[in-house]
Amino acid sequence: MEVLHGVGDNVVDKYVNQRKTYPGGNALNAAVFCRRLGLSTGYVGVIGTDRFGQHIKEVLAQEGVDISRLKVREGPNRYAEVELIEGDRKFVGRDFGAYFPFSLDEEDFSYLSKAKVIHTSIYSGVEEQLPRLAETLSSISFDFSNRWEAAYLAHVLPFVTYAFLSASGRGETELAEVKELAKDHLVEVLVITNGS
């Protein structure tokens, strides 16, 4: 069975308008949704000791995501405050917690080496560990969100197979530049979204 592991970022999204809180985060969401599609998935990351961290742990277990490499750190879980404005999410506040950036240990690297794909993002803080991950993994999926600086992209893209970016508010020139940069670094799949 194909294996995908989410690495690094989890968060609780506090939707201010709705007064509801949902588990989320790029890496966590990828692991959950790929599991729902029938893949074997795991999540490698850190949760806090508050009720939100406990909720994330329970949800991952209920979804059938392997949490054997889930770490718990004293303190609140990461969160983002979100407002819905004309159908689009707007992040209005956040707390990354005391355990950002995330650092992989030797057991994490061993565990991840068995995956077909890992998915991570700008919110995981694992950029400096990507070269080592790329040595043993067949594919790395990375969500850049709205981080488009050429120097950052050039630093990360050499290790990425699947790249995701948000283009909300970007012009055609910027889109063309990113496409060329991805092509230069042999990115196999480039997905660019554009808001609602």
C-alpha atoms as a PDB file:
ATOM      1  CA  MET A   1       0.000   0.000   0.000  1.00  0.00           C
ATOM      2  CA  GLU A   2       1.218   3.506  -0.835  1.00  0.00           C
ATOM      3  CA  VAL A   3       2.433   5.458   2.194  1.00  0.00           C
ATOM      4  CA  LEU A   4       2.204   9.212   2.771  1.00  0.00           C
ATOM      5  CA  HIS A   5       3.291  10.889   5.983  1.00  0.00           C
ATOM      6  CA  GLY A   6       2.468  14.448   7.018  1.00  0.00           C
ATOM      7  CA  VAL A   7       5.422  16.185   8.670  1.00  0.00           C
ATOM      8  CA  GLY A   8       5.437  19.191  10.941  1.00  0.00           C
ATOM      9  CA  ASP A   9       2.497  21.495  11.053  1.00  0.00           C
ATOM     10  CA  ASN A  10      -0.739  20.968  12.863  1.00  0.00           C
ATOM     11  CA  VAL A  11      -2.947  23.696  14.211  1.00  0.00           C
ATOM     12  CA  VAL A  12      -6.419  24.304  15.469  1.00  0.00           C
ATOM     13  CA  ASP A  13      -8.265  26.775  13.269  1.00  0.00           C
ATOM     14  CA  LYS A  14     -10.494  28.996  15.386  1.00  0.00           C
ATOM     15  CA  TYR A  15     -13.185  30.364  13.069  1.00  0.00           C
ATOM     16  CA  VAL A  16     -14.112  33.646  14.724  1.00  0.00           C
ATOM     17  CA  ASN A  17     -17.358  34.190  12.760  1.00  0.00           C
ATOM     18  CA  GLN A  18     -18.655  30.693  13.469  1.00  0.00           C
ATOM     19  CA  ARG A  19     -17.330  30.357  17.022  1.00  0.00           C
ATOM     20  CA  LYS A  20     -16.071  26.904  16.024  1.00  0.00           C
ATOM     21  CA  THR A  21     -12.668  25.269  16.160  1.00  0.00           C
ATOM     22  CA  TYR A  22     -11.388  22.659  13.704  1.00  0.00           C
ATOM     23  CA  PRO A  23      -8.206  20.580  13.656  1.00  0.00           C
ATOM     24  CA  GLY A  24      -6.032  21.418  10.694  1.00  0.00           C
ATOM     25  CA  GLY A  25      -2.669  22.345   9.333  1.00  0.00           C
ATOM     26  CA  ASN A  26      -1.156  21.401   5.995  1.00  0.00           C
ATOM     27  CA  ALA A  27       0.715  18.287   7.065  1.00  0.00           C
ATOM     28  CA  LEU A  28      -2.086  17.011   9.258  1.00  0.00           C
ATOM     29  CA  ASN A  29      -4.751  17.599   6.594  1.00  0.00           C
ATOM     30  CA  ALA A  30      -2.717  15.776   3.932  1.00  0.00           C
ATOM     31  CA  ALA A  31      -2.351  12.728   6.192  1.00  0.00           C
ATOM     32  CA  VAL A  32      -6.065  12.657   7.055  1.00  0.00           C
ATOM     33  CA  PHE A  33      -7.423  13.159   3.541  1.00  0.00           C
ATOM     34  CA  CYS A  34      -5.004  10.679   1.957  1.00  0.00           C
ATOM     35  CA  ARG A  35      -6.016   8.134   4.604  1.00  0.00           C
ATOM     36  CA  ARG A  36      -9.656   8.704   3.661  1.00  0.00           C
ATOM     37  CA  LEU A  37      -8.666   7.934   0.060  1.00  0.00           C
ATOM     38  CA  GLY A  38      -7.239   4.578   1.136  1.00  0.00           C
ATOM     39  CA  LEU A  39      -3.541   5.296   1.558  1.00  0.00           C
ATOM     40  CA  SER A  40      -1.566   4.245   4.602  1.00  0.00           C
ATOM     41  CA  THR A  41      -0.638   7.498   6.356  1.00  0.00           C
ATOM     42  CA  GLY A  42       1.161   8.771   9.414  1.00  0.00           C
ATOM     43  CA  TYR A  43       1.737  12.100  11.063  1.00  0.00           C
ATOM     44  CA  VAL A  44       5.079  13.213  12.506  1.00  0.00           C
ATOM     45  CA  GLY A  45       4.823  16.355  14.582  1.00  0.00           C
ATOM     46  CA  VAL A  46       4.268  17.962  17.959  1.00  0.00           C
ATOM     47  CA  ILE A  47       1.069  18.741  19.825  1.00  0.00           C
ATOM     48  CA  GLY A  48       0.532  20.745  22.992  1.00  0.00           C
ATOM     49  CA  THR A  49      -0.837  19.511  26.312  1.00  0.00           C
ATOM     50  CA  ASP A  50      -4.046  21.564  26.217  1.00  0.00           C
ATOM     51  CA  ARG A  51      -7.482  20.303  25.153  1.00  0.00           C
ATOM     52  CA  PHE A  52      -6.810  21.290  21.536  1.00  0.00           C
ATOM     53  CA  GLY A  53      -3.673  19.151  21.379  1.00  0.00           C
ATOM     54  CA  GLN A  54      -5.583  16.242  22.907  1.00  0.00           C
ATOM     55  CA  HIS A  55      -8.383  16.759  20.380  1.00  0.00           C
ATOM     56  CA  ILE A  56      -5.920  16.592  17.476  1.00  0.00           C
ATOM     57  CA  LYS A  57      -4.464  13.350  18.845  1.00  0.00           C
ATOM     58  CA  GLU A  58      -7.945  11.821  19.190  1.00  0.00           C
ATOM     59  CA  VAL A  59      -9.010  12.909  15.693  1.00  0.00           C
ATOM     60  CA  LEU A  60      -5.871  11.472  14.080  1.00  0.00           C
ATOM     61  CA  ALA A  61      -6.433   8.156  15.851  1.00  0.00           C
ATOM     62  CA  GLN A  62     -10.114   8.095  14.820  1.00  0.00           C
ATOM     63  CA  GLU A  63      -9.117   8.760  11.209  1.00  0.00           C
ATOM     64  CA  GLY A  64      -6.710   5.815  11.225  1.00  0.00           C
ATOM     65  CA  VAL A  65      -3.558   7.931  10.856  1.00  0.00           C
ATOM     66  CA  ASP A  66      -0.476   6.385  12.474  1.00  0.00           C
ATOM     67  CA  ILE A  67       0.536   8.610  15.406  1.00  0.00           C
ATOM     68  CA  SER A  68       3.438   6.515  16.690  1.00  0.00           C
ATOM     69  CA  ARG A  69       5.826   9.446  15.994  1.00  0.00           C
ATOM     70  CA  LEU A  70       3.540  12.099  17.509  1.00  0.00           C
ATOM     71  CA  LYS A  71       5.279  14.078  20.245  1.00  0.00           C
ATOM     72  CA  VAL A  72       3.642  15.974  23.093  1.00  0.00           C
ATOM     73  CA  ARG A  73       5.228  19.157  24.472  1.00  0.00           C
ATOM     74  CA  GLU A  74       4.147  21.081  27.553  1.00  0.00           C
ATOM     75  CA  GLY A  75       2.073  24.125  26.672  1.00  0.00           C
ATOM     76  CA  PRO A  76      -0.748  25.178  24.360  1.00  0.00           C
ATOM     77  CA  ASN A  77      -1.209  23.717  20.914  1.00  0.00           C
ATOM     78  CA  ARG A  78      -0.611  25.911  17.881  1.00  0.00           C
ATOM     79  CA  TYR A  79      -3.651  27.812  16.667  1.00  0.00           C
ATOM     80  CA  ALA A  80      -4.788  30.193  13.974  1.00  0.00           C
ATOM     81  CA  GLU A  81      -7.702  32.597  14.203  1.00  0.00           C
ATOM     82  CA  VAL A  82      -9.667  32.733  10.971  1.00  0.00           C
ATOM     83  CA  GLU A  83     -12.432  34.928   9.598  1.00  0.00           C
ATOM     84  CA  LEU A  84     -14.486  34.099   6.512  1.00  0.00           C
ATOM     85  CA  ILE A  85     -14.734  37.136   4.264  1.00  0.00           C
ATOM     86  CA  GLU A  86     -16.741  36.763   1.043  1.00  0.00           C
ATOM     87  CA  GLY A  87     -16.004  33.029   0.972  1.00  0.00           C
ATOM     88  CA  ASP A  88     -12.254  33.319   1.518  1.00  0.00           C
ATOM     89  CA  ARG A  89     -10.352  32.595   4.700  1.00  0.00           C
ATOM     90  CA  LYS A  90      -8.451  35.474   6.261  1.00  0.00           C
ATOM     91  CA  PHE A  91      -5.996  34.640   9.026  1.00  0.00           C
ATOM     92  CA  VAL A  92      -6.286  37.319  11.697  1.00  0.00           C
ATOM     93  CA  GLY A  93      -4.159  35.863  14.489  1.00  0.00           C
ATOM     94  CA  ARG A  94      -1.936  32.917  15.340  1.00  0.00           C
ATOM     95  CA  ASP A  95       0.357  31.363  17.888  1.00  0.00           C
ATOM     96  CA  PHE A  96       2.962  28.890  16.673  1.00  0.00           C
ATOM     97  CA  GLY A  97       3.725  27.712  20.196  1.00  0.00           C
ATOM     98  CA  ALA A  98       7.101  27.097  21.757  1.00  0.00           C
ATOM     99  CA  TYR A  99       7.967  24.101  19.561  1.00  0.00           C
ATOM    100  CA  PHE A 100       8.411  25.888  16.234  1.00  0.00           C
ATOM    101  CA  PRO A 101      10.419  25.220  14.148  1.00  0.00           C
ATOM    102  CA  PHE A 102       9.953  21.468  14.273  1.00  0.00           C
ATOM    103  CA  SER A 103      13.078  19.315  14.471  1.00  0.00           C
ATOM    104  CA  LEU A 104      13.171  15.687  13.335  1.00  0.00           C
ATOM    105  CA  ASP A 105      15.172  13.173  15.372  1.00  0.00           C
ATOM    106  CA  GLU A 106      16.909   9.996  14.183  1.00  0.00           C
ATOM    107  CA  GLU A 107      13.859   7.817  14.827  1.00  0.00           C
ATOM    108  CA  ASP A 108      11.737  10.234  12.792  1.00  0.00           C
ATOM    109  CA  PHE A 109      14.139  10.002   9.840  1.00  0.00           C
ATOM    110  CA  SER A 110      14.089   6.205  10.043  1.00  0.00           C
ATOM    111  CA  TYR A 111      10.285   6.154  10.156  1.00  0.00           C
ATOM    112  CA  LEU A 112       9.950   8.610   7.261  1.00  0.00           C
ATOM    113  CA  SER A 113      12.426   6.726   5.057  1.00  0.00           C
ATOM    114  CA  LYS A 114       9.740   4.058   4.516  1.00  0.00           C
ATOM    115  CA  ALA A 115       7.241   6.534   3.039  1.00  0.00           C
ATOM    116  CA  LYS A 116       6.562   6.957  -0.649  1.00  0.00           C
ATOM    117  CA  VAL A 117       5.766  10.648  -0.100  1.00  0.00           C
ATOM    118  CA  ILE A 118       5.946  13.118   2.755  1.00  0.00           C
ATOM    119  CA  HIS A 119       3.938  16.313   2.789  1.00  0.00           C
ATOM    120  CA  THR A 120       5.085  19.387   4.674  1.00  0.00           C
ATOM    121  CA  SER A 121       4.838  23.165   4.412  1.00  0.00           C
ATOM    122  CA  ILE A 122       6.226  26.574   5.236  1.00  0.00           C
ATOM    123  CA  TYR A 123       4.532  26.265   8.621  1.00  0.00           C
ATOM    124  CA  SER A 124       6.524  23.187   9.636  1.00  0.00           C
ATOM    125  CA  GLY A 125       9.983  24.740   9.817  1.00  0.00           C
ATOM    126  CA  VAL A 126      11.747  21.704   8.320  1.00  0.00           C
ATOM    127  CA  GLU A 127      13.407  23.472   5.376  1.00  0.00           C
ATOM    128  CA  GLU A 128      16.939  22.849   6.664  1.00  0.00           C
ATOM    129  CA  GLN A 129      16.145  19.149   7.037  1.00  0.00           C
ATOM    130  CA  LEU A 130      14.844  18.711   3.473  1.00  0.00           C
ATOM    131  CA  PRO A 131      18.245  17.733   1.981  1.00  0.00           C
ATOM    132  CA  ARG A 132      18.503  14.774   4.334  1.00  0.00           C
ATOM    133  CA  LEU A 133      14.885  13.778   3.738  1.00  0.00           C
ATOM    134  CA  ALA A 134      15.419  13.955  -0.024  1.00  0.00           C
ATOM    135  CA  GLU A 135      18.338  11.519   0.231  1.00  0.00           C
ATOM    136  CA  THR A 136      16.058   8.646   1.228  1.00  0.00           C
ATOM    137  CA  LEU A 137      12.584   9.636   0.005  1.00  0.00           C
ATOM    138  CA  SER A 138      11.222   9.204  -3.475  1.00  0.00           C
ATOM    139  CA  SER A 139       9.010  12.308  -3.227  1.00  0.00           C
ATOM    140  CA  ILE A 140       8.492  15.413  -1.109  1.00  0.00           C
ATOM    141  CA  SER A 141       5.311  17.444  -1.342  1.00  0.00           C
ATOM    142  CA  PHE A 142       5.569  21.033  -0.078  1.00  0.00           C
ATOM    143  CA  ASP A 143       2.969  23.746   0.375  1.00  0.00           C
ATOM    144  CA  PHE A 144       4.506  27.212   0.027  1.00  0.00           C
ATOM    145  CA  SER A 145       1.183  28.932   0.741  1.00  0.00           C
ATOM    146  CA  ASN A 146       1.717  32.580  -0.232  1.00  0.00           C
ATOM    147  CA  ARG A 147       5.504  32.602   0.227  1.00  0.00           C
ATOM    148  CA  TRP A 148       6.807  33.584  -3.212  1.00  0.00           C
ATOM    149  CA  GLU A 149      10.221  35.139  -2.550  1.00  0.00           C
ATOM    150  CA  ALA A 150      12.596  33.900  -5.254  1.00  0.00           C
ATOM    151  CA  ALA A 151      15.438  33.195  -2.802  1.00  0.00           C
ATOM    152  CA  TYR A 152      13.197  31.059  -0.569  1.00  0.00           C
ATOM    153  CA  LEU A 153      11.758  29.149  -3.524  1.00  0.00           C
ATOM    154  CA  ALA A 154      15.240  28.523  -4.916  1.00  0.00           C
ATOM    155  CA  HIS A 155      16.359  27.238  -1.500  1.00  0.00           C
ATOM    156  CA  VAL A 156      13.476  24.743  -1.122  1.00  0.00           C
ATOM    157  CA  LEU A 157      12.409  23.711  -4.651  1.00  0.00           C
ATOM    158  CA  PRO A 158      15.487  21.525  -5.393  1.00  0.00           C
ATOM    159  CA  PHE A 159      14.142  18.984  -2.883  1.00  0.00           C
ATOM    160  CA  VAL A 160      10.476  19.148  -3.872  1.00  0.00           C
ATOM    161  CA  THR A 161       8.551  16.874  -6.238  1.00  0.00           C
ATOM    162  CA  TYR A 162       5.088  18.388  -5.735  1.00  0.00           C
ATOM    163  CA  ALA A 163       4.826  22.141  -5.082  1.00  0.00           C
ATOM    164  CA  PHE A 164       1.698  24.018  -3.998  1.00  0.00           C
ATOM    165  CA  LEU A 165       1.349  27.815  -3.943  1.00  0.00           C
ATOM    166  CA  SER A 166      -1.434  30.320  -3.363  1.00  0.00           C
ATOM    167  CA  ALA A 167      -1.581  33.012  -6.042  1.00  0.00           C
ATOM    168  CA  SER A 168      -4.227  35.257  -4.525  1.00  0.00           C
ATOM    169  CA  GLY A 169      -3.355  38.787  -5.607  1.00  0.00           C
ATOM    170  CA  ARG A 170      -0.448  37.730  -7.852  1.00  0.00           C
ATOM    171  CA  GLY A 171       0.026  38.932 -11.420  1.00  0.00           C
ATOM    172  CA  GLU A 172       0.786  37.016 -14.622  1.00  0.00           C
ATOM    173  CA  THR A 173       4.475  37.974 -14.492  1.00  0.00           C
ATOM    174  CA  GLU A 174       4.900  36.436 -11.026  1.00  0.00           C
ATOM    175  CA  LEU A 175       3.049  33.295 -12.132  1.00  0.00           C
ATOM    176  CA  ALA A 176       5.328  32.909 -15.139  1.00  0.00           C
ATOM    177  CA  GLU A 177       8.451  33.389 -12.997  1.00  0.00           C
ATOM    178  CA  VAL A 178       7.363  30.735 -10.497  1.00  0.00           C
ATOM    179  CA  LYS A 179       6.516  28.303 -13.297  1.00  0.00           C
ATOM    180  CA  GLU A 180       9.986  28.749 -14.789  1.00  0.00           C
ATOM    181  CA  LEU A 181      11.693  28.369 -11.409  1.00  0.00           C
ATOM    182  CA  ALA A 182       9.771  25.161 -10.722  1.00  0.00           C
ATOM    183  CA  LYS A 183      10.695  23.866 -14.172  1.00  0.00           C
ATOM    184  CA  ASP A 184      14.384  24.742 -13.626  1.00  0.00           C
ATOM    185  CA  HIS A 185      14.382  22.704 -10.388  1.00  0.00           C
ATOM    186  CA  LEU A 186      12.632  19.720 -12.014  1.00  0.00           C
ATOM    187  CA  VAL A 187       9.488  19.981  -9.904  1.00  0.00           C
ATOM    188  CA  GLU A 188       7.182  17.322 -11.339  1.00  0.00           C
ATOM    189  CA  VAL A 189       3.853  18.874 -10.324  1.00  0.00           C
ATOM    190  CA  LEU A 190       3.152  22.557  -9.657  1.00  0.00           C
ATOM    191  CA  VAL A 191      -0.297  23.485  -8.311  1.00  0.00           C
ATOM    192  CA  ILE A 192      -1.212  27.162  -7.998  1.00  0.00           C
ATOM    193  CA  THR A 193      -4.534  28.125  -6.397  1.00  0.00           C
ATOM    194  CA  ASN A 194      -6.182  31.530  -6.560  1.00  0.00           C
ATOM    195  CA  GLY A 195      -8.603  32.152  -3.711  1.00  0.00           C
ATOM    196  CA  SER A 196     -12.359  31.622  -4.070  1.00  0.00           C
END
